[in-house]
Protein backbone atom coordinates (compact mmCIF):
# COMPACT_ATOMS: atom_id res chain seq x y z
CA UNK A 1 0.00 0.00 0.00
CA UNK A 2 2.96 2.30 0.48
CA UNK A 3 5.70 3.43 -1.85
CA UNK A 4 8.10 1.10 -3.61
CA UNK A 5 11.67 0.74 -2.41
CA UNK A 6 12.86 2.76 -5.42
CA UNK A 7 10.38 5.57 -4.72
CA UNK A 8 11.40 5.71 -1.05
CA UNK A 9 15.07 5.71 -2.06
CA UNK A 10 14.50 8.63 -4.42
CA UNK A 11 12.71 10.69 -1.76
CA UNK A 12 15.36 9.90 0.86
CA UNK A 13 18.08 10.90 -1.60
CA UNK A 14 16.32 14.17 -2.42
CA UNK A 15 15.83 14.90 1.28
CA UNK A 16 19.48 14.27 2.11
CA UNK A 17 20.74 16.46 -0.75
CA UNK A 18 18.13 19.22 -0.60
CA UNK A 19 19.52 22.67 0.14
CA UNK A 20 15.98 23.79 0.97
CA UNK A 21 13.14 21.88 2.60
CA UNK A 22 10.49 20.42 0.33
CA UNK A 23 7.06 18.87 0.70
CA UNK A 24 5.98 15.48 -0.58
CA UNK A 25 2.33 15.50 -1.70
CA UNK A 26 0.65 12.11 -1.39
CA UNK A 27 -2.61 11.83 -3.30
CA UNK A 28 -4.91 9.14 -2.01
CA UNK A 29 -3.17 6.58 0.17
CA UNK A 30 -2.49 7.77 3.74
CA UNK A 31 -0.19 4.81 4.39
CA UNK A 32 2.67 6.60 2.65
CA UNK A 33 2.85 8.58 5.88
CA UNK A 34 5.59 6.22 7.02
CA UNK A 35 7.95 8.20 4.82
CA UNK A 36 7.40 11.31 6.98
CA UNK A 37 10.48 10.74 9.16
CA UNK A 38 12.56 10.57 5.97
CA UNK A 39 11.42 13.85 4.37
CA UNK A 40 10.85 17.37 5.73
CA UNK A 41 7.04 17.37 5.27
CA UNK A 42 4.20 15.32 3.82
CA UNK A 43 0.82 16.66 2.67
CA UNK A 44 -1.81 13.90 2.42
CA UNK A 45 -4.95 14.53 0.37
CA UNK A 46 -6.71 11.13 0.88
CA UNK A 47 -8.19 11.45 -2.62
CA UNK A 48 -7.02 11.62 -6.22
CA UNK A 49 -8.28 13.80 -9.03
CA UNK A 50 -8.35 17.41 -10.11
CA UNK A 51 -9.93 18.89 -6.96
CA UNK A 52 -7.46 17.40 -4.44
CA UNK A 53 -4.53 18.29 -6.71
CA UNK A 54 -5.71 21.91 -7.00
CA UNK A 55 -6.33 22.09 -3.25
CA UNK A 56 -2.81 20.81 -2.55
CA UNK A 57 -1.28 23.44 -4.85
CA UNK A 58 -3.33 26.21 -3.22
CA UNK A 59 -2.26 24.98 0.22
CA UNK A 60 1.42 24.81 -0.74
CA UNK A 61 1.25 28.31 -2.21
CA UNK A 62 -0.30 29.60 1.01
CA UNK A 63 -3.61 30.47 -0.66
CA UNK A 64 -5.62 27.97 1.39
CA UNK A 65 -5.41 26.89 4.99
CA UNK A 66 -3.89 23.51 5.77
CA UNK A 67 -5.48 21.39 8.41
CA UNK A 68 -6.49 17.95 9.30
CA UNK A 69 -5.99 15.01 11.57
CA UNK A 70 -5.14 11.45 10.66
CA UNK A 71 -8.23 9.25 10.75
CA UNK A 72 -5.98 6.21 11.05
CA UNK A 73 -2.84 5.25 12.95
CA UNK A 74 0.32 4.92 10.88
CA UNK A 75 1.95 2.17 12.95
CA UNK A 76 5.23 3.15 14.54
CA UNK A 77 4.99 6.77 13.38
CA UNK A 78 1.77 8.69 14.10
CA UNK A 79 -1.36 7.94 16.11
CA UNK A 80 -4.86 8.55 14.81
CA UNK A 81 -5.66 12.20 15.48
CA UNK A 82 -2.14 13.50 14.74
CA UNK A 83 -2.18 16.55 12.48
CA UNK A 84 -1.91 20.32 12.28
CA UNK A 85 -3.74 23.51 11.47
CA UNK A 86 -2.19 26.38 9.51
CA UNK A 87 -3.94 29.48 8.29
CA UNK A 88 -3.57 30.70 4.71
CA UNK A 89 -0.51 32.91 4.37
CA UNK A 90 -1.08 34.48 0.96
CA UNK A 91 -4.11 36.32 -0.42
CA UNK A 92 -3.95 34.33 -3.66
CA UNK A 93 -4.77 35.49 -7.16
CA UNK A 94 -7.92 37.38 -8.13
CA UNK A 95 -10.56 35.05 -9.61
CA UNK A 96 -10.16 36.57 -13.07
CA UNK A 97 -6.47 35.61 -13.13
CA UNK A 98 -7.01 31.94 -12.22
PDB file of N, CA and C in Angstrom:
ATOM      1  N   UNK A   1       0.807  -1.191   0.000  1.00  0.00           N
ATOM      2  CA  UNK A   1       0.000   0.000   0.000  1.00  0.00           C
ATOM      3  C   UNK A   1       0.853   1.260   0.000  1.00  0.00           C
ATOM      4  N   UNK A   2       2.094   1.132   0.412  1.00  0.00           N
ATOM      5  CA  UNK A   2       2.963   2.298   0.476  1.00  0.00           C
ATOM      6  C   UNK A   2       3.750   2.477  -0.808  1.00  0.00           C
ATOM      7  N   UNK A   3       4.844   3.173  -0.698  1.00  0.00           N
ATOM      8  CA  UNK A   3       5.700   3.426  -1.849  1.00  0.00           C
ATOM      9  C   UNK A   3       6.652   2.264  -2.075  1.00  0.00           C
ATOM     10  N   UNK A   4       7.120   2.138  -3.300  1.00  0.00           N
ATOM     11  CA  UNK A   4       8.099   1.098  -3.611  1.00  0.00           C
ATOM     12  C   UNK A   4       9.448   1.460  -3.002  1.00  0.00           C
ATOM     13  N   UNK A   5      10.329   0.507  -2.930  1.00  0.00           N
ATOM     14  CA  UNK A   5      11.671   0.740  -2.412  1.00  0.00           C
ATOM     15  C   UNK A   5      12.393   1.804  -3.233  1.00  0.00           C
ATOM     16  N   UNK A   6      12.215   1.766  -4.551  1.00  0.00           N
ATOM     17  CA  UNK A   6      12.861   2.761  -5.424  1.00  0.00           C
ATOM     18  C   UNK A   6      12.305   4.160  -5.166  1.00  0.00           C
ATOM     19  N   UNK A   7      10.987   4.268  -4.988  1.00  0.00           N
ATOM     20  CA  UNK A   7      10.384   5.571  -4.718  1.00  0.00           C
ATOM     21  C   UNK A   7      10.867   6.125  -3.378  1.00  0.00           C
ATOM     22  N   UNK A   8      10.895   5.273  -2.350  1.00  0.00           N
ATOM     23  CA  UNK A   8      11.402   5.713  -1.049  1.00  0.00           C
ATOM     24  C   UNK A   8      12.855   6.132  -1.149  1.00  0.00           C
ATOM     25  N   UNK A   9      13.655   5.369  -1.888  1.00  0.00           N
ATOM     26  CA  UNK A   9      15.066   5.708  -2.064  1.00  0.00           C
ATOM     27  C   UNK A   9      15.247   7.060  -2.726  1.00  0.00           C
ATOM     28  N   UNK A  10      14.427   7.341  -3.740  1.00  0.00           N
ATOM     29  CA  UNK A  10      14.499   8.629  -4.424  1.00  0.00           C
ATOM     30  C   UNK A  10      14.171   9.766  -3.459  1.00  0.00           C
ATOM     31  N   UNK A  11      13.099   9.630  -2.693  1.00  0.00           N
ATOM     32  CA  UNK A  11      12.714  10.688  -1.756  1.00  0.00           C
ATOM     33  C   UNK A  11      13.761  10.885  -0.665  1.00  0.00           C
ATOM     34  N   UNK A  12      14.308   9.789  -0.153  1.00  0.00           N
ATOM     35  CA  UNK A  12      15.361   9.896   0.861  1.00  0.00           C
ATOM     36  C   UNK A  12      16.590  10.584   0.291  1.00  0.00           C
ATOM     37  N   UNK A  13      16.941  10.270  -0.948  1.00  0.00           N
ATOM     38  CA  UNK A  13      18.084  10.902  -1.602  1.00  0.00           C
ATOM     39  C   UNK A  13      17.841  12.399  -1.789  1.00  0.00           C
ATOM     40  N   UNK A  14      16.653  12.759  -2.254  1.00  0.00           N
ATOM     41  CA  UNK A  14      16.318  14.172  -2.422  1.00  0.00           C
ATOM     42  C   UNK A  14      16.369  14.905  -1.083  1.00  0.00           C
ATOM     43  N   UNK A  15      15.851  14.268  -0.041  1.00  0.00           N
ATOM     44  CA  UNK A  15      15.832  14.900   1.283  1.00  0.00           C
ATOM     45  C   UNK A  15      17.246  15.099   1.818  1.00  0.00           C
ATOM     46  N   UNK A  16      18.121  14.156   1.569  1.00  0.00           N
ATOM     47  CA  UNK A  16      19.480  14.271   2.105  1.00  0.00           C
ATOM     48  C   UNK A  16      20.311  15.295   1.340  1.00  0.00           C
ATOM     49  N   UNK A  17      19.969  15.539   0.072  1.00  0.00           N
ATOM     50  CA  UNK A  17      20.736  16.460  -0.747  1.00  0.00           C
ATOM     51  C   UNK A  17      20.088  17.838  -0.884  1.00  0.00           C
ATOM     52  N   UNK A  18      18.877  17.974  -0.400  1.00  0.00           N
ATOM     53  CA  UNK A  18      18.131  19.219  -0.603  1.00  0.00           C
ATOM     54  C   UNK A  18      18.744  20.373   0.182  1.00  0.00           C
ATOM     55  N   UNK A  19      19.012  21.459  -0.516  1.00  0.00           N
ATOM     56  CA  UNK A  19      19.516  22.667   0.136  1.00  0.00           C
ATOM     57  C   UNK A  19      18.380  23.385   0.853  1.00  0.00           C
ATOM     58  N   UNK A  20      17.159  23.182   0.355  1.00  0.00           N
ATOM     59  CA  UNK A  20      15.978  23.785   0.969  1.00  0.00           C
ATOM     60  C   UNK A  20      14.971  22.681   1.269  1.00  0.00           C
ATOM     61  N   UNK A  21      14.175  22.881   2.314  1.00  0.00           N
ATOM     62  CA  UNK A  21      13.137  21.877   2.598  1.00  0.00           C
ATOM     63  C   UNK A  21      12.146  21.769   1.443  1.00  0.00           C
ATOM     64  N   UNK A  22      11.512  20.628   1.333  1.00  0.00           N
ATOM     65  CA  UNK A  22      10.491  20.425   0.325  1.00  0.00           C
ATOM     66  C   UNK A  22       9.352  19.631   0.943  1.00  0.00           C
ATOM     67  N   UNK A  23       8.247  19.573   0.230  1.00  0.00           N
ATOM     68  CA  UNK A  23       7.064  18.866   0.703  1.00  0.00           C
ATOM     69  C   UNK A  23       6.724  17.759  -0.284  1.00  0.00           C
ATOM     70  N   UNK A  24       6.468  16.578   0.234  1.00  0.00           N
ATOM     71  CA  UNK A  24       5.980  15.477  -0.581  1.00  0.00           C
ATOM     72  C   UNK A  24       4.458  15.526  -0.507  1.00  0.00           C
ATOM     73  N   UNK A  25       3.785  15.531  -1.659  1.00  0.00           N
ATOM     74  CA  UNK A  25       2.330  15.502  -1.700  1.00  0.00           C
ATOM     75  C   UNK A  25       1.908  14.085  -2.058  1.00  0.00           C
ATOM     76  N   UNK A  26       1.145  13.468  -1.164  1.00  0.00           N
ATOM     77  CA  UNK A  26       0.646  12.115  -1.392  1.00  0.00           C
ATOM     78  C   UNK A  26      -0.843  12.195  -1.693  1.00  0.00           C
ATOM     79  N   UNK A  27      -1.213  11.796  -2.881  1.00  0.00           N
ATOM     80  CA  UNK A  27      -2.614  11.827  -3.297  1.00  0.00           C
ATOM     81  C   UNK A  27      -3.223  10.450  -3.077  1.00  0.00           C
ATOM     82  N   UNK A  28      -4.192  10.390  -2.207  1.00  0.00           N
ATOM     83  CA  UNK A  28      -4.911   9.141  -2.007  1.00  0.00           C
ATOM     84  C   UNK A  28      -4.517   8.366  -0.775  1.00  0.00           C
ATOM     85  N   UNK A  29      -3.515   7.556  -0.852  1.00  0.00           N
ATOM     86  CA  UNK A  29      -3.168   6.584   0.172  1.00  0.00           C
ATOM     87  C   UNK A  29      -2.483   7.218   1.385  1.00  0.00           C
ATOM     88  N   UNK A  30      -3.120   7.192   2.561  1.00  0.00           N
ATOM     89  CA  UNK A  30      -2.487   7.773   3.744  1.00  0.00           C
ATOM     90  C   UNK A  30      -1.348   6.928   4.288  1.00  0.00           C
ATOM     91  N   UNK A  31      -1.230   5.677   3.844  1.00  0.00           N
ATOM     92  CA  UNK A  31      -0.191   4.811   4.386  1.00  0.00           C
ATOM     93  C   UNK A  31       1.200   5.133   3.866  1.00  0.00           C
ATOM     94  N   UNK A  32       1.336   6.133   3.009  1.00  0.00           N
ATOM     95  CA  UNK A  32       2.672   6.597   2.647  1.00  0.00           C
ATOM     96  C   UNK A  32       3.203   7.522   3.732  1.00  0.00           C
ATOM     97  N   UNK A  33       2.420   7.749   4.762  1.00  0.00           N
ATOM     98  CA  UNK A  33       2.850   8.585   5.883  1.00  0.00           C
ATOM     99  C   UNK A  33       4.064   8.045   6.594  1.00  0.00           C
ATOM    100  N   UNK A  34       4.400   6.766   6.380  1.00  0.00           N
ATOM    101  CA  UNK A  34       5.591   6.222   7.019  1.00  0.00           C
ATOM    102  C   UNK A  34       6.869   6.805   6.445  1.00  0.00           C
ATOM    103  N   UNK A  35       6.761   7.551   5.354  1.00  0.00           N
ATOM    104  CA  UNK A  35       7.955   8.204   4.819  1.00  0.00           C
ATOM    105  C   UNK A  35       8.199   9.547   5.512  1.00  0.00           C
ATOM    106  N   UNK A  36       7.271  10.006   6.337  1.00  0.00           N
ATOM    107  CA  UNK A  36       7.396  11.314   6.982  1.00  0.00           C
ATOM    108  C   UNK A  36       8.701  11.507   7.751  1.00  0.00           C
ATOM    109  N   UNK A  37       9.198  10.516   8.471  1.00  0.00           N
ATOM    110  CA  UNK A  37      10.477  10.745   9.161  1.00  0.00           C
ATOM    111  C   UNK A  37      11.663  10.886   8.208  1.00  0.00           C
ATOM    112  N   UNK A  38      11.475  10.539   6.949  1.00  0.00           N
ATOM    113  CA  UNK A  38      12.564  10.571   5.967  1.00  0.00           C
ATOM    114  C   UNK A  38      12.603  11.844   5.142  1.00  0.00           C
ATOM    115  N   UNK A  39      11.521  12.612   5.152  1.00  0.00           N
ATOM    116  CA  UNK A  39      11.425  13.847   4.368  1.00  0.00           C
ATOM    117  C   UNK A  39      10.976  14.988   5.273  1.00  0.00           C
ATOM    118  N   UNK A  40      11.203  16.242   4.861  1.00  0.00           N
ATOM    119  CA  UNK A  40      10.850  17.369   5.725  1.00  0.00           C
ATOM    120  C   UNK A  40       9.353  17.491   6.032  1.00  0.00           C
ATOM    121  N   UNK A  41       8.481  17.206   5.052  1.00  0.00           N
ATOM    122  CA  UNK A  41       7.041  17.371   5.271  1.00  0.00           C
ATOM    123  C   UNK A  41       6.263  16.539   4.254  1.00  0.00           C
ATOM    124  N   UNK A  42       5.086  16.078   4.688  1.00  0.00           N
ATOM    125  CA  UNK A  42       4.196  15.321   3.817  1.00  0.00           C
ATOM    126  C   UNK A  42       2.807  15.942   3.897  1.00  0.00           C
ATOM    127  N   UNK A  43       2.199  16.197   2.741  1.00  0.00           N
ATOM    128  CA  UNK A  43       0.824  16.660   2.668  1.00  0.00           C
ATOM    129  C   UNK A  43       0.000  15.521   2.085  1.00  0.00           C
ATOM    130  N   UNK A  44      -0.948  14.997   2.871  1.00  0.00           N
ATOM    131  CA  UNK A  44      -1.811  13.901   2.425  1.00  0.00           C
ATOM    132  C   UNK A  44      -3.158  14.464   1.986  1.00  0.00           C
ATOM    133  N   UNK A  45      -3.655  14.040   0.838  1.00  0.00           N
ATOM    134  CA  UNK A  45      -4.952  14.525   0.375  1.00  0.00           C
ATOM    135  C   UNK A  45      -6.064  13.507   0.584  1.00  0.00           C
ATOM    136  N   UNK A  46      -5.737  12.226   0.703  1.00  0.00           N
ATOM    137  CA  UNK A  46      -6.705  11.133   0.877  1.00  0.00           C
ATOM    138  C   UNK A  46      -7.562  10.877  -0.349  1.00  0.00           C
ATOM    139  N   UNK A  47      -7.425  11.653  -1.394  1.00  0.00           N
ATOM    140  CA  UNK A  47      -8.194  11.452  -2.623  1.00  0.00           C
ATOM    141  C   UNK A  47      -7.296  11.758  -3.817  1.00  0.00           C
ATOM    142  N   UNK A  48      -7.712  11.280  -4.977  1.00  0.00           N
ATOM    143  CA  UNK A  48      -7.017  11.618  -6.216  1.00  0.00           C
ATOM    144  C   UNK A  48      -7.976  12.389  -7.111  1.00  0.00           C
ATOM    145  N   UNK A  49      -7.448  13.070  -8.084  1.00  0.00           N
ATOM    146  CA  UNK A  49      -8.284  13.800  -9.029  1.00  0.00           C
ATOM    147  C   UNK A  49      -7.924  15.268  -9.064  1.00  0.00           C
ATOM    148  N   UNK A  50      -8.643  15.998  -9.897  1.00  0.00           N
ATOM    149  CA  UNK A  50      -8.354  17.414 -10.109  1.00  0.00           C
ATOM    150  C   UNK A  50      -8.545  18.262  -8.857  1.00  0.00           C
ATOM    151  N   UNK A  51      -9.644  18.052  -8.128  1.00  0.00           N
ATOM    152  CA  UNK A  51      -9.929  18.893  -6.961  1.00  0.00           C
ATOM    153  C   UNK A  51      -8.879  18.740  -5.853  1.00  0.00           C
ATOM    154  N   UNK A  52      -8.504  17.522  -5.460  1.00  0.00           N
ATOM    155  CA  UNK A  52      -7.460  17.401  -4.442  1.00  0.00           C
ATOM    156  C   UNK A  52      -6.099  17.945  -4.905  1.00  0.00           C
ATOM    157  N   UNK A  53      -5.788  17.756  -6.190  1.00  0.00           N
ATOM    158  CA  UNK A  53      -4.531  18.294  -6.711  1.00  0.00           C
ATOM    159  C   UNK A  53      -4.526  19.817  -6.636  1.00  0.00           C
ATOM    160  N   UNK A  54      -5.618  20.445  -7.052  1.00  0.00           N
ATOM    161  CA  UNK A  54      -5.713  21.912  -7.004  1.00  0.00           C
ATOM    162  C   UNK A  54      -5.670  22.404  -5.565  1.00  0.00           C
ATOM    163  N   UNK A  55      -6.340  21.694  -4.665  1.00  0.00           N
ATOM    164  CA  UNK A  55      -6.330  22.087  -3.251  1.00  0.00           C
ATOM    165  C   UNK A  55      -4.925  21.990  -2.675  1.00  0.00           C
ATOM    166  N   UNK A  56      -4.182  20.960  -3.041  1.00  0.00           N
ATOM    167  CA  UNK A  56      -2.815  20.809  -2.552  1.00  0.00           C
ATOM    168  C   UNK A  56      -1.926  21.950  -3.047  1.00  0.00           C
ATOM    169  N   UNK A  57      -2.072  22.326  -4.307  1.00  0.00           N
ATOM    170  CA  UNK A  57      -1.285  23.437  -4.850  1.00  0.00           C
ATOM    171  C   UNK A  57      -1.622  24.730  -4.126  1.00  0.00           C
ATOM    172  N   UNK A  58      -2.917  24.990  -3.929  1.00  0.00           N
ATOM    173  CA  UNK A  58      -3.330  26.208  -3.222  1.00  0.00           C
ATOM    174  C   UNK A  58      -2.773  26.211  -1.794  1.00  0.00           C
ATOM    175  N   UNK A  59      -2.789  25.063  -1.139  1.00  0.00           N
ATOM    176  CA  UNK A  59      -2.262  24.982   0.225  1.00  0.00           C
ATOM    177  C   UNK A  59      -0.754  25.233   0.239  1.00  0.00           C
ATOM    178  N   UNK A  60      -0.037  24.635  -0.693  1.00  0.00           N
ATOM    179  CA  UNK A  60       1.419  24.807  -0.743  1.00  0.00           C
ATOM    180  C   UNK A  60       1.815  26.240  -1.072  1.00  0.00           C
ATOM    181  N   UNK A  61       0.975  26.916  -1.862  1.00  0.00           N
ATOM    182  CA  UNK A  61       1.251  28.311  -2.211  1.00  0.00           C
ATOM    183  C   UNK A  61       0.786  29.280  -1.135  1.00  0.00           C
ATOM    184  N   UNK A  62       0.160  28.759  -0.087  1.00  0.00           N
ATOM    185  CA  UNK A  62      -0.297  29.603   1.005  1.00  0.00           C
ATOM    186  C   UNK A  62      -1.648  30.234   0.771  1.00  0.00           C
ATOM    187  N   UNK A  63      -2.324  29.880  -0.321  1.00  0.00           N
ATOM    188  CA  UNK A  63      -3.613  30.471  -0.658  1.00  0.00           C
ATOM    189  C   UNK A  63      -4.769  29.844   0.112  1.00  0.00           C
ATOM    190  N   UNK A  64      -4.558  28.665   0.656  1.00  0.00           N
ATOM    191  CA  UNK A  64      -5.617  27.965   1.386  1.00  0.00           C
ATOM    192  C   UNK A  64      -5.054  27.483   2.713  1.00  0.00           C
ATOM    193  N   UNK A  65      -5.897  27.419   3.726  1.00  0.00           N
ATOM    194  CA  UNK A  65      -5.412  26.889   4.994  1.00  0.00           C
ATOM    195  C   UNK A  65      -5.097  25.407   4.868  1.00  0.00           C
ATOM    196  N   UNK A  66      -4.231  24.926   5.722  1.00  0.00           N
ATOM    197  CA  UNK A  66      -3.888  23.506   5.766  1.00  0.00           C
ATOM    198  C   UNK A  66      -4.346  23.001   7.127  1.00  0.00           C
ATOM    199  N   UNK A  67      -5.045  21.929   7.126  1.00  0.00           N
ATOM    200  CA  UNK A  67      -5.476  21.390   8.405  1.00  0.00           C
ATOM    201  C   UNK A  67      -6.034  19.999   8.252  1.00  0.00           C
ATOM    202  N   UNK A  68      -5.921  19.277   9.293  1.00  0.00           N
ATOM    203  CA  UNK A  68      -6.494  17.946   9.298  1.00  0.00           C
ATOM    204  C   UNK A  68      -5.849  17.085  10.349  1.00  0.00           C
ATOM    205  N   UNK A  69      -6.486  15.980  10.603  1.00  0.00           N
ATOM    206  CA  UNK A  69      -5.993  15.012  11.568  1.00  0.00           C
ATOM    207  C   UNK A  69      -6.102  13.632  10.934  1.00  0.00           C
ATOM    208  N   UNK A  70      -5.133  12.798  11.213  1.00  0.00           N
ATOM    209  CA  UNK A  70      -5.145  11.447  10.664  1.00  0.00           C
ATOM    210  C   UNK A  70      -6.349  10.670  11.192  1.00  0.00           C
ATOM    211  N   UNK A  71      -7.119  10.071  10.294  1.00  0.00           N
ATOM    212  CA  UNK A  71      -8.229   9.250  10.751  1.00  0.00           C
ATOM    213  C   UNK A  71      -7.782   7.830  11.104  1.00  0.00           C
ATOM    214  N   UNK A  72      -6.529   7.550  10.818  1.00  0.00           N
ATOM    215  CA  UNK A  72      -5.978   6.215  11.048  1.00  0.00           C
ATOM    216  C   UNK A  72      -4.644   6.358  11.776  1.00  0.00           C
ATOM    217  N   UNK A  73      -4.183   5.279  12.370  1.00  0.00           N
ATOM    218  CA  UNK A  73      -2.842   5.248  12.945  1.00  0.00           C
ATOM    219  C   UNK A  73      -1.879   4.749  11.883  1.00  0.00           C
ATOM    220  N   UNK A  74      -0.750   5.418  11.753  1.00  0.00           N
ATOM    221  CA  UNK A  74       0.316   4.922  10.880  1.00  0.00           C
ATOM    222  C   UNK A  74       1.297   4.243  11.835  1.00  0.00           C
ATOM    223  N   UNK A  75       1.227   2.912  11.911  1.00  0.00           N
ATOM    224  CA  UNK A  75       1.955   2.166  12.949  1.00  0.00           C
ATOM    225  C   UNK A  75       3.428   2.542  13.048  1.00  0.00           C
ATOM    226  N   UNK A  76       3.843   2.817  14.273  1.00  0.00           N
ATOM    227  CA  UNK A  76       5.232   3.150  14.544  1.00  0.00           C
ATOM    228  C   UNK A  76       5.597   4.593  14.269  1.00  0.00           C
ATOM    229  N   UNK A  77       4.657   5.390  13.737  1.00  0.00           N
ATOM    230  CA  UNK A  77       4.986   6.766  13.379  1.00  0.00           C
ATOM    231  C   UNK A  77       4.026   7.789  13.982  1.00  0.00           C
ATOM    232  N   UNK A  78       2.728   7.686  13.655  1.00  0.00           N
ATOM    233  CA  UNK A  78       1.766   8.687  14.100  1.00  0.00           C
ATOM    234  C   UNK A  78       0.477   8.027  14.549  1.00  0.00           C
ATOM    235  N   UNK A  79      -0.078   8.485  15.673  1.00  0.00           N
ATOM    236  CA  UNK A  79      -1.361   7.940  16.113  1.00  0.00           C
ATOM    237  C   UNK A  79      -2.523   8.591  15.361  1.00  0.00           C
ATOM    238  N   UNK A  80      -3.647   7.927  15.351  1.00  0.00           N
ATOM    239  CA  UNK A  80      -4.859   8.555  14.811  1.00  0.00           C
ATOM    240  C   UNK A  80      -5.072   9.863  15.568  1.00  0.00           C
ATOM    241  N   UNK A  81      -5.456  10.897  14.861  1.00  0.00           N
ATOM    242  CA  UNK A  81      -5.663  12.204  15.475  1.00  0.00           C
ATOM    243  C   UNK A  81      -4.488  13.142  15.344  1.00  0.00           C
ATOM    244  N   UNK A  82      -3.315  12.639  14.938  1.00  0.00           N
ATOM    245  CA  UNK A  82      -2.143  13.499  14.738  1.00  0.00           C
ATOM    246  C   UNK A  82      -2.407  14.404  13.539  1.00  0.00           C
ATOM    247  N   UNK A  83      -1.988  15.649  13.609  1.00  0.00           N
ATOM    248  CA  UNK A  83      -2.176  16.547  12.484  1.00  0.00           C
ATOM    249  C   UNK A  83      -1.788  17.963  12.839  1.00  0.00           C
ATOM    250  N   UNK A  84      -2.232  18.909  12.035  1.00  0.00           N
ATOM    251  CA  UNK A  84      -1.914  20.317  12.281  1.00  0.00           C
ATOM    252  C   UNK A  84      -2.978  21.205  11.679  1.00  0.00           C
ATOM    253  N   UNK A  85      -2.895  22.458  12.046  1.00  0.00           N
ATOM    254  CA  UNK A  85      -3.737  23.507  11.470  1.00  0.00           C
ATOM    255  C   UNK A  85      -2.821  24.671  11.122  1.00  0.00           C
ATOM    256  N   UNK A  86      -2.952  25.201   9.912  1.00  0.00           N
ATOM    257  CA  UNK A  86      -2.186  26.379   9.514  1.00  0.00           C
ATOM    258  C   UNK A  86      -3.082  27.275   8.675  1.00  0.00           C
ATOM    259  N   UNK A  87      -3.114  28.534   9.031  1.00  0.00           N
ATOM    260  CA  UNK A  87      -3.936  29.481   8.285  1.00  0.00           C
ATOM    261  C   UNK A  87      -3.300  29.764   6.919  1.00  0.00           C
ATOM    262  N   UNK A  88      -4.101  30.249   5.998  1.00  0.00           N
ATOM    263  CA  UNK A  88      -3.568  30.699   4.705  1.00  0.00           C
ATOM    264  C   UNK A  88      -2.594  31.834   4.973  1.00  0.00           C
ATOM    265  N   UNK A  89      -1.538  31.899   4.168  1.00  0.00           N
ATOM    266  CA  UNK A  89      -0.507  32.913   4.373  1.00  0.00           C
ATOM    267  C   UNK A  89      -0.383  33.887   3.212  1.00  0.00           C
ATOM    268  N   UNK A  90      -1.158  33.643   2.141  1.00  0.00           N
ATOM    269  CA  UNK A  90      -1.083  34.484   0.956  1.00  0.00           C
ATOM    270  C   UNK A  90      -2.512  34.791   0.502  1.00  0.00           C
ATOM    271  N   UNK A  91      -2.754  35.990   0.017  1.00  0.00           N
ATOM    272  CA  UNK A  91      -4.110  36.321  -0.420  1.00  0.00           C
ATOM    273  C   UNK A  91      -4.530  35.600  -1.692  1.00  0.00           C
ATOM    274  N   UNK A  92      -3.597  35.041  -2.432  1.00  0.00           N
ATOM    275  CA  UNK A  92      -3.945  34.330  -3.660  1.00  0.00           C
ATOM    276  C   UNK A  92      -4.168  35.285  -4.819  1.00  0.00           C
ATOM    277  N   UNK A  93      -4.539  34.715  -5.944  1.00  0.00           N
ATOM    278  CA  UNK A  93      -4.768  35.493  -7.164  1.00  0.00           C
ATOM    279  C   UNK A  93      -6.228  35.890  -7.256  1.00  0.00           C
ATOM    280  N   UNK A  94      -6.521  37.028  -7.887  1.00  0.00           N
ATOM    281  CA  UNK A  94      -7.924  37.377  -8.135  1.00  0.00           C
ATOM    282  C   UNK A  94      -8.582  36.298  -8.997  1.00  0.00           C
ATOM    283  N   UNK A  95      -9.864  36.085  -8.846  1.00  0.00           N
ATOM    284  CA  UNK A  95     -10.561  35.049  -9.605  1.00  0.00           C
ATOM    285  C   UNK A  95     -10.358  35.186 -11.104  1.00  0.00           C
ATOM    286  N   UNK A  96     -10.320  36.366 -11.620  1.00  0.00           N
ATOM    287  CA  UNK A  96     -10.161  36.574 -13.069  1.00  0.00           C
ATOM    288  C   UNK A  96      -8.820  36.065 -13.567  1.00  0.00           C
ATOM    289  N   UNK A  97      -7.809  36.022 -12.721  1.00  0.00           N
ATOM    290  CA  UNK A  97      -6.473  35.606 -13.132  1.00  0.00           C
ATOM    291  C   UNK A  97      -6.282  34.106 -13.043  1.00  0.00           C
ATOM    292  N   UNK A  98      -7.194  33.392 -12.419  1.00  0.00           N
ATOM    293  CA  UNK A  98      -7.007  31.942 -12.225  1.00  0.00           C
ATOM    294  C   UNK A  98      -7.373  31.149 -13.424  1.00  0.00           C
TER     295      UNK A  98
END
